[in-house]
PDB file of N, CA and C in Angstrom:
ATOM      1  N   MET A   1      18.355 -21.247 -14.241  1.00  0.00           N
ATOM      2  CA  MET A   1      17.094 -20.595 -13.916  1.00  0.00           C
ATOM      3  C   MET A   1      17.391 -19.145 -13.519  1.00  0.00           C
ATOM      4  N   VAL A   2      16.860 -18.244 -14.288  1.00  0.00           N
ATOM      5  CA  VAL A   2      17.098 -16.821 -14.047  1.00  0.00           C
ATOM      6  C   VAL A   2      16.017 -16.292 -13.103  1.00  0.00           C
ATOM      7  N   GLN A   3      16.466 -15.709 -12.002  1.00  0.00           N
ATOM      8  CA  GLN A   3      15.545 -15.196 -10.989  1.00  0.00           C
ATOM      9  C   GLN A   3      15.416 -13.680 -11.107  1.00  0.00           C
ATOM     10  N   LYS A   4      14.299 -13.185 -10.617  1.00  0.00           N
ATOM     11  CA  LYS A   4      13.999 -11.761 -10.661  1.00  0.00           C
ATOM     12  C   LYS A   4      13.235 -11.423  -9.387  1.00  0.00           C
ATOM     13  N   GLN A   5      13.439 -10.212  -8.882  1.00  0.00           N
ATOM     14  CA  GLN A   5      12.672  -9.739  -7.728  1.00  0.00           C
ATOM     15  C   GLN A   5      12.060  -8.394  -8.079  1.00  0.00           C
ATOM     16  N   ILE A   6      10.774  -8.241  -7.752  1.00  0.00           N
ATOM     17  CA  ILE A   6      10.079  -6.987  -8.032  1.00  0.00           C
ATOM     18  C   ILE A   6       9.404  -6.457  -6.778  1.00  0.00           C
ATOM     19  N   HIS A   7       9.135  -5.158  -6.793  1.00  0.00           N
ATOM     20  CA  HIS A   7       8.450  -4.460  -5.711  1.00  0.00           C
ATOM     21  C   HIS A   7       7.295  -3.716  -6.376  1.00  0.00           C
ATOM     22  N   ILE A   8       6.072  -3.995  -5.934  1.00  0.00           N
ATOM     23  CA  ILE A   8       4.867  -3.426  -6.553  1.00  0.00           C
ATOM     24  C   ILE A   8       4.071  -2.644  -5.516  1.00  0.00           C
ATOM     25  N   PHE A   9       3.522  -1.510  -5.951  1.00  0.00           N
ATOM     26  CA  PHE A   9       2.525  -0.771  -5.185  1.00  0.00           C
ATOM     27  C   PHE A   9       1.282  -0.669  -6.062  1.00  0.00           C
ATOM     28  N   VAL A  10       0.130  -1.053  -5.504  1.00  0.00           N
ATOM     29  CA  VAL A  10      -1.129  -1.009  -6.238  1.00  0.00           C
ATOM     30  C   VAL A  10      -2.065  -0.055  -5.507  1.00  0.00           C
ATOM     31  N   THR A  11      -2.643   0.880  -6.262  1.00  0.00           N
ATOM     32  CA  THR A  11      -3.552   1.889  -5.713  1.00  0.00           C
ATOM     33  C   THR A  11      -4.919   1.723  -6.362  1.00  0.00           C
ATOM     34  N   GLY A  12      -5.964   1.977  -5.586  1.00  0.00           N
ATOM     35  CA  GLY A  12      -7.337   1.890  -6.091  1.00  0.00           C
ATOM     36  C   GLY A  12      -8.215   1.249  -5.029  1.00  0.00           C
ATOM     37  N   ARG A  13      -9.251   0.518  -5.473  1.00  0.00           N
ATOM     38  CA  ARG A  13     -10.073  -0.240  -4.517  1.00  0.00           C
ATOM     39  C   ARG A  13      -9.395  -1.599  -4.373  1.00  0.00           C
ATOM     40  N   VAL A  14      -8.387  -1.641  -3.493  1.00  0.00           N
ATOM     41  CA  VAL A  14      -7.553  -2.836  -3.365  1.00  0.00           C
ATOM     42  C   VAL A  14      -7.498  -3.363  -1.926  1.00  0.00           C
ATOM     43  N   GLN A  15      -8.223  -2.726  -1.026  1.00  0.00           N
ATOM     44  CA  GLN A  15      -8.329  -3.251   0.342  1.00  0.00           C
ATOM     45  C   GLN A  15      -9.786  -3.589   0.599  1.00  0.00           C
ATOM     46  N   GLY A  16     -10.000  -4.697   1.310  1.00  0.00           N
ATOM     47  CA  GLY A  16     -11.362  -5.147   1.596  1.00  0.00           C
ATOM     48  C   GLY A  16     -11.995  -5.891   0.431  1.00  0.00           C
ATOM     49  N   VAL A  17     -11.202  -6.292  -0.551  1.00  0.00           N
ATOM     50  CA  VAL A  17     -11.716  -7.013  -1.728  1.00  0.00           C
ATOM     51  C   VAL A  17     -10.923  -8.304  -1.979  1.00  0.00           C
ATOM     52  N   PHE A  18     -10.279  -8.815  -0.933  1.00  0.00           N
ATOM     53  CA  PHE A  18      -9.485 -10.055  -0.995  1.00  0.00           C
ATOM     54  C   PHE A  18      -8.287  -9.950  -1.938  1.00  0.00           C
ATOM     55  N   PHE A  19      -7.745  -8.733  -2.102  1.00  0.00           N
ATOM     56  CA  PHE A  19      -6.588  -8.552  -2.981  1.00  0.00           C
ATOM     57  C   PHE A  19      -5.377  -9.307  -2.448  1.00  0.00           C
ATOM     58  N   ARG A  20      -5.117  -9.186  -1.136  1.00  0.00           N
ATOM     59  CA  ARG A  20      -3.936  -9.862  -0.575  1.00  0.00           C
ATOM     60  C   ARG A  20      -4.047 -11.375  -0.702  1.00  0.00           C
ATOM     61  N   GLN A  21      -5.191 -11.928  -0.309  1.00  0.00           N
ATOM     62  CA  GLN A  21      -5.346 -13.382  -0.353  1.00  0.00           C
ATOM     63  C   GLN A  21      -5.289 -13.882  -1.795  1.00  0.00           C
ATOM     64  N   SER A  22      -5.907 -13.148  -2.710  1.00  0.00           N
ATOM     65  CA  SER A  22      -5.882 -13.547  -4.121  1.00  0.00           C
ATOM     66  C   SER A  22      -4.467 -13.460  -4.693  1.00  0.00           C
ATOM     67  N   THR A  23      -3.708 -12.461  -4.249  1.00  0.00           N
ATOM     68  CA  THR A  23      -2.319 -12.334  -4.690  1.00  0.00           C
ATOM     69  C   THR A  23      -1.518 -13.545  -4.216  1.00  0.00           C
ATOM     70  N   LYS A  24      -1.752 -13.956  -2.978  1.00  0.00           N
ATOM     71  CA  LYS A  24      -1.051 -15.130  -2.447  1.00  0.00           C
ATOM     72  C   LYS A  24      -1.378 -16.375  -3.272  1.00  0.00           C
ATOM     73  N   VAL A  25      -2.641 -16.566  -3.609  1.00  0.00           N
ATOM     74  CA  VAL A  25      -3.052 -17.718  -4.411  1.00  0.00           C
ATOM     75  C   VAL A  25      -2.349 -17.698  -5.768  1.00  0.00           C
ATOM     76  N   MET A  26      -2.326 -16.528  -6.410  1.00  0.00           N
ATOM     77  CA  MET A  26      -1.670 -16.411  -7.722  1.00  0.00           C
ATOM     78  C   MET A  26      -0.154 -16.624  -7.609  1.00  0.00           C
ATOM     79  N   ALA A  27       0.437 -16.113  -6.533  1.00  0.00           N
ATOM     80  CA  ALA A  27       1.875 -16.277  -6.335  1.00  0.00           C
ATOM     81  C   ALA A  27       2.234 -17.757  -6.174  1.00  0.00           C
ATOM     82  N   ILE A  28       1.476 -18.453  -5.339  1.00  0.00           N
ATOM     83  CA  ILE A  28       1.739 -19.872  -5.117  1.00  0.00           C
ATOM     84  C   ILE A  28       1.532 -20.657  -6.412  1.00  0.00           C
ATOM     85  N   LYS A  29       0.478 -20.324  -7.160  1.00  0.00           N
ATOM     86  CA  LYS A  29       0.206 -20.984  -8.441  1.00  0.00           C
ATOM     87  C   LYS A  29       1.374 -20.798  -9.419  1.00  0.00           C
ATOM     88  N   ASN A  30       2.043 -19.638  -9.320  1.00  0.00           N
ATOM     89  CA  ASN A  30       3.159 -19.328 -10.220  1.00  0.00           C
ATOM     90  C   ASN A  30       4.526 -19.607  -9.599  1.00  0.00           C
ATOM     91  N   ASN A  31       4.548 -20.276  -8.439  1.00  0.00           N
ATOM     92  CA  ASN A  31       5.807 -20.621  -7.766  1.00  0.00           C
ATOM     93  C   ASN A  31       6.643 -19.383  -7.428  1.00  0.00           C
ATOM     94  N   VAL A  32       5.965 -18.326  -6.996  1.00  0.00           N
ATOM     95  CA  VAL A  32       6.617 -17.068  -6.623  1.00  0.00           C
ATOM     96  C   VAL A  32       6.651 -16.966  -5.100  1.00  0.00           C
ATOM     97  N   LYS A  33       7.761 -16.460  -4.578  1.00  0.00           N
ATOM     98  CA  LYS A  33       7.922 -16.284  -3.137  1.00  0.00           C
ATOM     99  C   LYS A  33       7.943 -14.791  -2.808  1.00  0.00           C
ATOM    100  N   GLY A  34       7.640 -14.452  -1.554  1.00  0.00           N
ATOM    101  CA  GLY A  34       7.659 -13.051  -1.134  1.00  0.00           C
ATOM    102  C   GLY A  34       6.535 -12.764  -0.169  1.00  0.00           C
ATOM    103  N   TRP A  35       5.957 -11.564  -0.288  1.00  0.00           N
ATOM    104  CA  TRP A  35       4.884 -11.182   0.634  1.00  0.00           C
ATOM    105  C   TRP A  35       4.008 -10.077   0.046  1.00  0.00           C
ATOM    106  N   VAL A  36       2.847  -9.908   0.654  1.00  0.00           N
ATOM    107  CA  VAL A  36       1.897  -8.857   0.287  1.00  0.00           C
ATOM    108  C   VAL A  36       1.326  -8.276   1.579  1.00  0.00           C
ATOM    109  N   ARG A  37       1.086  -6.968   1.596  1.00  0.00           N
ATOM    110  CA  ARG A  37       0.477  -6.351   2.783  1.00  0.00           C
ATOM    111  C   ARG A  37      -0.303  -5.106   2.389  1.00  0.00           C
ATOM    112  N   ASN A  38      -1.272  -4.751   3.246  1.00  0.00           N
ATOM    113  CA  ASN A  38      -1.987  -3.484   3.108  1.00  0.00           C
ATOM    114  C   ASN A  38      -1.147  -2.377   3.731  1.00  0.00           C
ATOM    115  N   LEU A  39      -1.209  -1.191   3.148  1.00  0.00           N
ATOM    116  CA  LEU A  39      -0.558  -0.015   3.724  1.00  0.00           C
ATOM    117  C   LEU A  39      -1.619   0.905   4.300  1.00  0.00           C
ATOM    118  N   ASP A  40      -1.230   1.727   5.264  1.00  0.00           N
ATOM    119  CA  ASP A  40      -2.163   2.631   5.919  1.00  0.00           C
ATOM    120  C   ASP A  40      -2.782   3.640   4.957  1.00  0.00           C
ATOM    121  N   ASP A  41      -2.103   3.934   3.843  1.00  0.00           N
ATOM    122  CA  ASP A  41      -2.624   4.920   2.893  1.00  0.00           C
ATOM    123  C   ASP A  41      -3.600   4.314   1.875  1.00  0.00           C
ATOM    124  N   GLY A  42      -3.968   3.037   2.057  1.00  0.00           N
ATOM    125  CA  GLY A  42      -4.954   2.410   1.188  1.00  0.00           C
ATOM    126  C   GLY A  42      -4.366   1.588   0.054  1.00  0.00           C
ATOM    127  N   ARG A  43      -3.053   1.639  -0.117  1.00  0.00           N
ATOM    128  CA  ARG A  43      -2.417   0.858  -1.179  1.00  0.00           C
ATOM    129  C   ARG A  43      -2.113  -0.553  -0.696  1.00  0.00           C
ATOM    130  N   VAL A  44      -1.770  -1.419  -1.646  1.00  0.00           N
ATOM    131  CA  VAL A  44      -1.262  -2.749  -1.349  1.00  0.00           C
ATOM    132  C   VAL A  44       0.182  -2.787  -1.841  1.00  0.00           C
ATOM    133  N   GLU A  45       1.068  -3.362  -1.020  1.00  0.00           N
ATOM    134  CA  GLU A  45       2.488  -3.474  -1.354  1.00  0.00           C
ATOM    135  C   GLU A  45       2.827  -4.954  -1.521  1.00  0.00           C
ATOM    136  N   ILE A  46       3.598  -5.258  -2.567  1.00  0.00           N
ATOM    137  CA  ILE A  46       3.972  -6.640  -2.868  1.00  0.00           C
ATOM    138  C   ILE A  46       5.469  -6.706  -3.161  1.00  0.00           C
ATOM    139  N   VAL A  47       6.155  -7.661  -2.561  1.00  0.00           N
ATOM    140  CA  VAL A  47       7.525  -7.982  -2.938  1.00  0.00           C
ATOM    141  C   VAL A  47       7.489  -9.436  -3.384  1.00  0.00           C
ATOM    142  N   ALA A  48       7.968  -9.681  -4.609  1.00  0.00           N
ATOM    143  CA  ALA A  48       7.866 -11.020  -5.178  1.00  0.00           C
ATOM    144  C   ALA A  48       9.177 -11.417  -5.833  1.00  0.00           C
ATOM    145  N   GLN A  49       9.493 -12.707  -5.722  1.00  0.00           N
ATOM    146  CA  GLN A  49      10.753 -13.231  -6.232  1.00  0.00           C
ATOM    147  C   GLN A  49      10.488 -14.581  -6.895  1.00  0.00           C
ATOM    148  N   GLY A  50      11.085 -14.769  -8.072  1.00  0.00           N
ATOM    149  CA  GLY A  50      10.919 -16.038  -8.761  1.00  0.00           C
ATOM    150  C   GLY A  50      11.513 -15.980 -10.148  1.00  0.00           C
ATOM    151  N   GLU A  51      11.194 -16.993 -10.949  1.00  0.00           N
ATOM    152  CA  GLU A  51      11.671 -17.005 -12.321  1.00  0.00           C
ATOM    153  C   GLU A  51      10.965 -15.915 -13.121  1.00  0.00           C
ATOM    154  N   ILE A  52      11.659 -15.382 -14.116  1.00  0.00           N
ATOM    155  CA  ILE A  52      11.167 -14.215 -14.854  1.00  0.00           C
ATOM    156  C   ILE A  52       9.737 -14.389 -15.353  1.00  0.00           C
ATOM    157  N   GLN A  53       9.444 -15.495 -16.034  1.00  0.00           N
ATOM    158  CA  GLN A  53       8.091 -15.692 -16.581  1.00  0.00           C
ATOM    159  C   GLN A  53       7.046 -15.745 -15.471  1.00  0.00           C
ATOM    160  N   ASP A  54       7.369 -16.400 -14.353  1.00  0.00           N
ATOM    161  CA  ASP A  54       6.433 -16.501 -13.228  1.00  0.00           C
ATOM    162  C   ASP A  54       6.170 -15.128 -12.603  1.00  0.00           C
ATOM    163  N   ILE A  55       7.222 -14.339 -12.455  1.00  0.00           N
ATOM    164  CA  ILE A  55       7.085 -12.979 -11.914  1.00  0.00           C
ATOM    165  C   ILE A  55       6.253 -12.122 -12.862  1.00  0.00           C
ATOM    166  N   ASP A  56       6.519 -12.241 -14.161  1.00  0.00           N
ATOM    167  CA  ASP A  56       5.756 -11.470 -15.146  1.00  0.00           C
ATOM    168  C   ASP A  56       4.275 -11.848 -15.113  1.00  0.00           C
ATOM    169  N   ASN A  57       3.971 -13.130 -14.934  1.00  0.00           N
ATOM    170  CA  ASN A  57       2.572 -13.576 -14.826  1.00  0.00           C
ATOM    171  C   ASN A  57       1.893 -12.934 -13.619  1.00  0.00           C
ATOM    172  N   LEU A  58       2.578 -12.944 -12.471  1.00  0.00           N
ATOM    173  CA  LEU A  58       2.000 -12.350 -11.264  1.00  0.00           C
ATOM    174  C   LEU A  58       1.813 -10.844 -11.431  1.00  0.00           C
ATOM    175  N   ALA A  59       2.818 -10.164 -11.964  1.00  0.00           N
ATOM    176  CA  ALA A  59       2.731  -8.710 -12.158  1.00  0.00           C
ATOM    177  C   ALA A  59       1.570  -8.361 -13.082  1.00  0.00           C
ATOM    178  N   HIS A  60       1.401  -9.120 -14.156  1.00  0.00           N
ATOM    179  CA  HIS A  60       0.304  -8.883 -15.092  1.00  0.00           C
ATOM    180  C   HIS A  60      -1.041  -9.030 -14.387  1.00  0.00           C
ATOM    181  N   TRP A  61      -1.173 -10.063 -13.554  1.00  0.00           N
ATOM    182  CA  TRP A  61      -2.415 -10.274 -12.807  1.00  0.00           C
ATOM    183  C   TRP A  61      -2.684  -9.112 -11.850  1.00  0.00           C
ATOM    184  N   CYS A  62      -1.632  -8.599 -11.199  1.00  0.00           N
ATOM    185  CA  CYS A  62      -1.790  -7.515 -10.220  1.00  0.00           C
ATOM    186  C   CYS A  62      -2.296  -6.218 -10.856  1.00  0.00           C
ATOM    187  N   LYS A  63      -2.159  -6.074 -12.160  1.00  0.00           N
ATOM    188  CA  LYS A  63      -2.641  -4.868 -12.833  1.00  0.00           C
ATOM    189  C   LYS A  63      -4.166  -4.792 -12.844  1.00  0.00           C
ATOM    190  N   THR A  64      -4.844  -5.935 -12.666  1.00  0.00           N
ATOM    191  CA  THR A  64      -6.305  -5.939 -12.593  1.00  0.00           C
ATOM    192  C   THR A  64      -6.809  -6.470 -11.262  1.00  0.00           C
ATOM    193  N   GLY A  65      -6.106  -7.447 -10.676  1.00  0.00           N
ATOM    194  CA  GLY A  65      -6.486  -7.979  -9.366  1.00  0.00           C
ATOM    195  C   GLY A  65      -7.719  -8.853  -9.419  1.00  0.00           C
ATOM    196  N   PRO A  66      -8.280  -9.164  -8.237  1.00  0.00           N
ATOM    197  CA  PRO A  66      -9.463 -10.029  -8.166  1.00  0.00           C
ATOM    198  C   PRO A  66     -10.728  -9.289  -8.623  1.00  0.00           C
ATOM    199  N   ALA A  67     -11.808 -10.029  -8.714  1.00  0.00           N
ATOM    200  CA  ALA A  67     -13.062  -9.560  -9.309  1.00  0.00           C
ATOM    201  C   ALA A  67     -13.567  -8.215  -8.790  1.00  0.00           C
ATOM    202  N   ASN A  68     -13.602  -8.011  -7.479  1.00  0.00           N
ATOM    203  CA  ASN A  68     -14.220  -6.802  -6.932  1.00  0.00           C
ATOM    204  C   ASN A  68     -13.250  -5.636  -6.743  1.00  0.00           C
ATOM    205  N   SER A  69     -12.016  -5.809  -7.184  1.00  0.00           N
ATOM    206  CA  SER A  69     -11.036  -4.733  -7.020  1.00  0.00           C
ATOM    207  C   SER A  69     -11.064  -3.793  -8.216  1.00  0.00           C
ATOM    208  N   ARG A  70     -10.426  -2.634  -8.045  1.00  0.00           N
ATOM    209  CA  ARG A  70     -10.235  -1.686  -9.144  1.00  0.00           C
ATOM    210  C   ARG A  70      -8.834  -1.108  -8.988  1.00  0.00           C
ATOM    211  N   VAL A  71      -7.966  -1.385  -9.929  1.00  0.00           N
ATOM    212  CA  VAL A  71      -6.599  -0.885  -9.870  1.00  0.00           C
ATOM    213  C   VAL A  71      -6.527   0.428 -10.649  1.00  0.00           C
ATOM    214  N   ASP A  72      -6.209   1.513  -9.938  1.00  0.00           N
ATOM    215  CA  ASP A  72      -6.081   2.835 -10.563  1.00  0.00           C
ATOM    216  C   ASP A  72      -4.628   3.132 -10.928  1.00  0.00           C
ATOM    217  N   GLU A  73      -3.706   2.703 -10.066  1.00  0.00           N
ATOM    218  CA  GLU A  73      -2.282   2.925 -10.320  1.00  0.00           C
ATOM    219  C   GLU A  73      -1.516   1.655 -10.002  1.00  0.00           C
ATOM    220  N   PHE A  74      -0.501   1.407 -10.821  1.00  0.00           N
ATOM    221  CA  PHE A  74       0.327   0.210 -10.673  1.00  0.00           C
ATOM    222  C   PHE A  74       1.773   0.646 -10.834  1.00  0.00           C
ATOM    223  N   GLU A  75       2.559   0.537  -9.764  1.00  0.00           N
ATOM    224  CA  GLU A  75       3.980   0.914  -9.809  1.00  0.00           C
ATOM    225  C   GLU A  75       4.811  -0.344  -9.599  1.00  0.00           C
ATOM    226  N   LEU A  76       5.759  -0.576 -10.501  1.00  0.00           N
ATOM    227  CA  LEU A  76       6.614  -1.751 -10.403  1.00  0.00           C
ATOM    228  C   LEU A  76       8.063  -1.330 -10.556  1.00  0.00           C
ATOM    229  N   SER A  77       8.910  -1.840  -9.670  1.00  0.00           N
ATOM    230  CA  SER A  77      10.347  -1.628  -9.819  1.00  0.00           C
ATOM    231  C   SER A  77      11.051  -2.957  -9.574  1.00  0.00           C
ATOM    232  N   GLU A  78      12.174  -3.151 -10.270  1.00  0.00           N
ATOM    233  CA  GLU A  78      12.977  -4.353 -10.052  1.00  0.00           C
ATOM    234  C   GLU A  78      13.963  -4.075  -8.934  1.00  0.00           C
ATOM    235  N   GLU A  79      14.254  -5.106  -8.166  1.00  0.00           N
ATOM    236  CA  GLU A  79      15.194  -5.000  -7.052  1.00  0.00           C
ATOM    237  C   GLU A  79      16.256  -6.074  -7.190  1.00  0.00           C
ATOM    238  N   ASN A  80      17.325  -5.913  -6.457  1.00  0.00           N
ATOM    239  CA  ASN A  80      18.330  -6.973  -6.372  1.00  0.00           C
ATOM    240  C   ASN A  80      17.728  -8.167  -5.647  1.00  0.00           C
ATOM    241  N   ILE A  81      18.112  -9.346  -6.063  1.00  0.00           N
ATOM    242  CA  ILE A  81      17.601 -10.573  -5.443  1.00  0.00           C
ATOM    243  C   ILE A  81      18.086 -10.661  -3.997  1.00  0.00           C
ATOM    244  N   SER A  82      17.163 -10.994  -3.119  1.00  0.00           N
ATOM    245  CA  SER A  82      17.537 -11.302  -1.742  1.00  0.00           C
ATOM    246  C   SER A  82      17.091 -12.741  -1.480  1.00  0.00           C
ATOM    247  N   ASP A  83      17.830 -13.455  -0.684  1.00  0.00           N
ATOM    248  CA  ASP A  83      17.527 -14.861  -0.443  1.00  0.00           C
ATOM    249  C   ASP A  83      16.650 -15.074   0.790  1.00  0.00           C
ATOM    250  N   GLU A  84      15.888 -14.058   1.161  1.00  0.00           N
ATOM    251  CA  GLU A  84      15.170 -14.164   2.424  1.00  0.00           C
ATOM    252  C   GLU A  84      13.832 -14.889   2.338  1.00  0.00           C
ATOM    253  N   PHE A  85      13.311 -15.178   1.141  1.00  0.00           N
ATOM    254  CA  PHE A  85      11.947 -15.716   1.030  1.00  0.00           C
ATOM    255  C   PHE A  85      11.939 -17.220   0.800  1.00  0.00           C
ATOM    256  N   GLU A  86      11.132 -17.921   1.594  1.00  0.00           N
ATOM    257  CA  GLU A  86      10.958 -19.351   1.410  1.00  0.00           C
ATOM    258  C   GLU A  86       9.547 -19.686   0.976  1.00  0.00           C
ATOM    259  N   THR A  87       8.601 -18.780   1.228  1.00  0.00           N
ATOM    260  CA  THR A  87       7.201 -18.966   0.869  1.00  0.00           C
ATOM    261  C   THR A  87       6.634 -17.630   0.406  1.00  0.00           C
ATOM    262  N   PHE A  88       5.343 -17.592   0.135  1.00  0.00           N
ATOM    263  CA  PHE A  88       4.653 -16.313  -0.113  1.00  0.00           C
ATOM    264  C   PHE A  88       3.647 -16.144   1.004  1.00  0.00           C
ATOM    265  N   GLU A  89       3.689 -14.987   1.673  1.00  0.00           N
ATOM    266  CA  GLU A  89       2.834 -14.799   2.840  1.00  0.00           C
ATOM    267  C   GLU A  89       2.092 -13.469   2.781  1.00  0.00           C
ATOM    268  N   VAL A  90       0.954 -13.458   3.463  1.00  0.00           N
ATOM    269  CA  VAL A  90       0.217 -12.224   3.701  1.00  0.00           C
ATOM    270  C   VAL A  90       0.729 -11.659   5.008  1.00  0.00           C
ATOM    271  N   ARG A  91       1.228 -10.421   4.957  1.00  0.00           N
ATOM    272  CA  ARG A  91       1.729  -9.773   6.180  1.00  0.00           C
ATOM    273  C   ARG A  91       0.672  -8.813   6.704  1.00  0.00           C
ATOM    274  N   TYR A  92       0.607  -8.730   8.040  1.00  0.00           N
ATOM    275  CA  TYR A  92      -0.380  -7.862   8.687  1.00  0.00           C
ATOM    276  C   TYR A  92       0.289  -6.757   9.469  1.00  0.00           C
TER     277      TYR A  92
END
């Protein structure tokens, strides 16, 4: 099983539209671990770890997000795998 870890920043109307909670639901559905949080500058930050196809599914979903969101910018970078994640959580 080939694992991958990504770091995403999403800009647009992504706070106050259930983006974090919806990301968690999609991550769990895709067996992805990591976390999501709002940033003070209005962006949402996501670190996700899992099998390549599962990570790609989550990343693809994050490009549009939930129904009431609007994604203007999507930045994705790959990172070295870290073994720190056991679940996917919303961080505050």
